Amino acid sequence: MYGGHITDAWDRRTNNTYLQVLIKPELLANCNLSQGFKSPDPAKFDYEAYKVYIDTKLPVESPILFGMHPNAEIGYLGNMCETIFSTILDVQGGSGGPGKKDSGAMNILLDLKNRSPVDFNMFEI
């Protein structure tokens, strides 16, 4: 199996063997799915009940949830901030700061406002 996909008969055979031999309901008994998040008793939960339990009880994603150090998220958050601010500058047009009427974004907004019906308040939306 490569990348989680079954690509040929050998992958299917291997995957079926794993499912028949290794994956048993007993694996989920008294199992911690994450820190402070115990798996419910498989005898009492069906597929739908598991889905609801996970959707309502699963803690917020964090590096600790995946067995990583809490600082593992710092790089991701730094990249996300850089992307957001870069996008803001791109939309702004690169020239003209906030409040300048010649910026690209302000020109687009004013054009849309002028073409909108009178009772349509785009800025409020």
C-alpha atoms as a PDB file:
ATOM      1  CA  MET A   1       0.000   0.000   0.000  1.00  0.00           C
ATOM      2  CA  TYR A   2       1.340   3.408  -0.944  1.00  0.00           C
ATOM      3  CA  GLY A   3      -0.295   6.565   0.344  1.00  0.00           C
ATOM      4  CA  GLY A   4      -3.235   4.670   1.770  1.00  0.00           C
ATOM      5  CA  HIS A   5      -4.403   3.369  -1.610  1.00  0.00           C
ATOM      6  CA  ILE A   6      -4.847  -0.251  -2.665  1.00  0.00           C
ATOM      7  CA  THR A   7      -3.188  -0.399  -6.085  1.00  0.00           C
ATOM      8  CA  ASP A   8      -2.966  -4.091  -6.918  1.00  0.00           C
ATOM      9  CA  ALA A   9      -3.945  -7.610  -5.807  1.00  0.00           C
ATOM     10  CA  TRP A  10      -1.032  -7.847  -3.350  1.00  0.00           C
ATOM     11  CA  ASP A  11      -2.110  -4.637  -1.638  1.00  0.00           C
ATOM     12  CA  ARG A  12      -5.652  -5.982  -1.366  1.00  0.00           C
ATOM     13  CA  ARG A  13      -4.390  -9.302   0.045  1.00  0.00           C
ATOM     14  CA  THR A  14      -2.189  -7.532   2.595  1.00  0.00           C
ATOM     15  CA  ASN A  15      -4.965  -5.155   3.597  1.00  0.00           C
ATOM     16  CA  ASN A  16      -7.517  -7.967   3.984  1.00  0.00           C
ATOM     17  CA  THR A  17      -5.056  -9.906   6.145  1.00  0.00           C
ATOM     18  CA  TYR A  18      -4.539  -6.878   8.387  1.00  0.00           C
ATOM     19  CA  LEU A  19      -8.290  -6.438   8.723  1.00  0.00           C
ATOM     20  CA  GLN A  20      -8.969 -10.119   9.483  1.00  0.00           C
ATOM     21  CA  VAL A  21      -6.004 -10.848  11.771  1.00  0.00           C
ATOM     22  CA  LEU A  22      -4.986  -7.593  13.429  1.00  0.00           C
ATOM     23  CA  ILE A  23      -7.971  -5.246  13.539  1.00  0.00           C
ATOM     24  CA  LYS A  24     -10.300  -6.563  16.230  1.00  0.00           C
ATOM     25  CA  PRO A  25     -12.944  -4.860  18.392  1.00  0.00           C
ATOM     26  CA  GLU A  26     -10.817  -5.700  21.431  1.00  0.00           C
ATOM     27  CA  LEU A  27      -8.274  -3.134  20.249  1.00  0.00           C
ATOM     28  CA  LEU A  28     -10.691  -0.344  21.090  1.00  0.00           C
ATOM     29  CA  ALA A  29     -11.555  -1.627  24.556  1.00  0.00           C
ATOM     30  CA  ASN A  30      -9.964   0.633  27.185  1.00  0.00           C
ATOM     31  CA  CYS A  31      -8.049   2.422  24.460  1.00  0.00           C
ATOM     32  CA  ASN A  32      -7.104   6.092  24.654  1.00  0.00           C
ATOM     33  CA  LEU A  33      -7.745   7.691  21.279  1.00  0.00           C
ATOM     34  CA  SER A  34      -5.883  10.732  22.607  1.00  0.00           C
ATOM     35  CA  GLN A  35      -4.854  12.160  25.950  1.00  0.00           C
ATOM     36  CA  GLY A  36      -8.028  12.350  28.046  1.00  0.00           C
ATOM     37  CA  PHE A  37     -10.196  10.880  25.279  1.00  0.00           C
ATOM     38  CA  LYS A  38     -11.109   7.267  25.990  1.00  0.00           C
ATOM     39  CA  SER A  39     -12.674   5.034  23.381  1.00  0.00           C
ATOM     40  CA  PRO A  40     -16.173   3.899  24.315  1.00  0.00           C
ATOM     41  CA  ASP A  41     -17.009   0.238  24.774  1.00  0.00           C
ATOM     42  CA  PRO A  42     -17.277  -1.272  21.249  1.00  0.00           C
ATOM     43  CA  ALA A  43     -20.005  -3.644  22.428  1.00  0.00           C
ATOM     44  CA  LYS A  44     -22.265  -0.678  23.200  1.00  0.00           C
ATOM     45  CA  PHE A  45     -21.436   1.569  20.203  1.00  0.00           C
ATOM     46  CA  ASP A  46     -22.189   1.060  16.539  1.00  0.00           C
ATOM     47  CA  TYR A  47     -20.676   3.066  13.673  1.00  0.00           C
ATOM     48  CA  GLU A  48     -23.139   5.981  13.956  1.00  0.00           C
ATOM     49  CA  ALA A  49     -22.717   6.189  17.735  1.00  0.00           C
ATOM     50  CA  TYR A  50     -18.916   6.328  17.304  1.00  0.00           C
ATOM     51  CA  LYS A  51     -19.279   9.161  14.775  1.00  0.00           C
ATOM     52  CA  VAL A  52     -21.467  11.176  17.143  1.00  0.00           C
ATOM     53  CA  TYR A  53     -19.129  10.483  20.066  1.00  0.00           C
ATOM     54  CA  ILE A  54     -16.074  11.624  18.105  1.00  0.00           C
ATOM     55  CA  ASP A  55     -17.843  14.714  16.731  1.00  0.00           C
ATOM     56  CA  THR A  56     -19.027  15.820  20.171  1.00  0.00           C
ATOM     57  CA  LYS A  57     -16.276  14.633  22.536  1.00  0.00           C
ATOM     58  CA  LEU A  58     -13.018  14.826  20.573  1.00  0.00           C
ATOM     59  CA  PRO A  59     -10.724  17.550  21.945  1.00  0.00           C
ATOM     60  CA  VAL A  60      -9.541  20.454  19.788  1.00  0.00           C
ATOM     61  CA  GLU A  61      -6.724  19.480  17.435  1.00  0.00           C
ATOM     62  CA  SER A  62      -3.293  20.248  18.792  1.00  0.00           C
ATOM     63  CA  PRO A  63       0.203  18.842  18.315  1.00  0.00           C
ATOM     64  CA  ILE A  64      -0.144  16.946  21.603  1.00  0.00           C
ATOM     65  CA  LEU A  65      -3.153  15.091  20.167  1.00  0.00           C
ATOM     66  CA  PHE A  66      -0.835  13.639  17.499  1.00  0.00           C
ATOM     67  CA  GLY A  67       1.980  12.824  19.929  1.00  0.00           C
ATOM     68  CA  MET A  68       4.040  15.875  18.960  1.00  0.00           C
ATOM     69  CA  HIS A  69       5.649  18.608  21.045  1.00  0.00           C
ATOM     70  CA  PRO A  70       3.437  21.688  21.582  1.00  0.00           C
ATOM     71  CA  ASN A  71       5.982  23.836  19.708  1.00  0.00           C
ATOM     72  CA  ALA A  72       5.348  21.851  16.503  1.00  0.00           C
ATOM     73  CA  GLU A  73       2.475  24.216  15.743  1.00  0.00           C
ATOM     74  CA  ILE A  74       4.626  27.352  15.818  1.00  0.00           C
ATOM     75  CA  GLY A  75       5.949  26.892  12.273  1.00  0.00           C
ATOM     76  CA  TYR A  76       2.468  26.274  10.906  1.00  0.00           C
ATOM     77  CA  LEU A  77       1.030  29.351  12.616  1.00  0.00           C
ATOM     78  CA  GLY A  78       3.940  31.513  11.415  1.00  0.00           C
ATOM     79  CA  ASN A  79       3.403  30.376   7.826  1.00  0.00           C
ATOM     80  CA  MET A  80      -0.334  30.973   8.106  1.00  0.00           C
ATOM     81  CA  CYS A  81       0.187  34.542   9.374  1.00  0.00           C
ATOM     82  CA  GLU A  82       2.626  35.234   6.557  1.00  0.00           C
ATOM     83  CA  THR A  83       0.119  33.945   3.991  1.00  0.00           C
ATOM     84  CA  ILE A  84      -2.742  35.994   5.433  1.00  0.00           C
ATOM     85  CA  PHE A  85      -0.780  39.251   5.496  1.00  0.00           C
ATOM     86  CA  SER A  86       0.631  38.601   2.026  1.00  0.00           C
ATOM     87  CA  THR A  87      -2.900  38.072   0.719  1.00  0.00           C
ATOM     88  CA  ILE A  88      -4.080  41.302   2.363  1.00  0.00           C
ATOM     89  CA  LEU A  89      -1.252  43.215   0.686  1.00  0.00           C
ATOM     90  CA  ASP A  90      -2.012  41.601  -2.683  1.00  0.00           C
ATOM     91  CA  VAL A  91      -5.698  42.514  -2.471  1.00  0.00           C
ATOM     92  CA  GLN A  92      -4.845  46.020  -1.351  1.00  0.00           C
ATOM     93  CA  GLY A  93      -2.912  46.523  -4.573  1.00  0.00           C
ATOM     94  CA  GLY A  94       0.522  46.928  -3.040  1.00  0.00           C
ATOM     95  CA  SER A  95       0.421  50.716  -3.257  1.00  0.00           C
ATOM     96  CA  GLY A  96      -1.431  53.046  -0.982  1.00  0.00           C
ATOM     97  CA  GLY A  97      -2.065  52.348   2.636  1.00  0.00           C
ATOM     98  CA  PRO A  98      -5.307  51.983   4.486  1.00  0.00           C
ATOM     99  CA  GLY A  99      -7.814  54.690   3.715  1.00  0.00           C
ATOM    100  CA  LYS A 100      -6.270  55.769   0.407  1.00  0.00           C
ATOM    101  CA  LYS A 101      -8.832  55.991  -2.377  1.00  0.00           C
ATOM    102  CA  ASP A 102      -6.360  54.919  -5.087  1.00  0.00           C
ATOM    103  CA  SER A 103      -5.800  51.420  -3.692  1.00  0.00           C
ATOM    104  CA  GLY A 104      -7.016  48.539  -5.859  1.00  0.00           C
ATOM    105  CA  ALA A 105      -9.336  47.059  -3.256  1.00  0.00           C
ATOM    106  CA  MET A 106     -11.005  50.399  -2.512  1.00  0.00           C
ATOM    107  CA  ASN A 107     -11.604  51.035  -6.245  1.00  0.00           C
ATOM    108  CA  ILE A 108     -13.261  47.632  -6.618  1.00  0.00           C
ATOM    109  CA  LEU A 109     -15.446  48.180  -3.539  1.00  0.00           C
ATOM    110  CA  LEU A 110     -16.541  51.648  -4.678  1.00  0.00           C
ATOM    111  CA  ASP A 111     -17.339  50.336  -8.167  1.00  0.00           C
ATOM    112  CA  LEU A 112     -19.459  47.525  -6.707  1.00  0.00           C
ATOM    113  CA  LYS A 113     -21.203  49.981  -4.373  1.00  0.00           C
ATOM    114  CA  ASN A 114     -22.049  52.309  -7.258  1.00  0.00           C
ATOM    115  CA  ARG A 115     -23.504  49.441  -9.333  1.00  0.00           C
ATOM    116  CA  SER A 116     -25.544  47.971  -6.441  1.00  0.00           C
ATOM    117  CA  PRO A 117     -29.229  48.774  -5.791  1.00  0.00           C
ATOM    118  CA  VAL A 118     -29.851  51.684  -3.400  1.00  0.00           C
ATOM    119  CA  ASP A 119     -31.269  49.532  -0.583  1.00  0.00           C
ATOM    120  CA  PHE A 120     -28.386  47.011  -0.827  1.00  0.00           C
ATOM    121  CA  ASN A 121     -25.843  47.767   1.933  1.00  0.00           C
ATOM    122  CA  MET A 122     -22.728  45.876   0.853  1.00  0.00           C
ATOM    123  CA  PHE A 123     -20.543  47.315   3.622  1.00  0.00           C
ATOM    124  CA  GLU A 124     -22.961  46.153   6.319  1.00  0.00           C
ATOM    125  CA  ILE A 125     -22.981  42.636   4.893  1.00  0.00           C
END
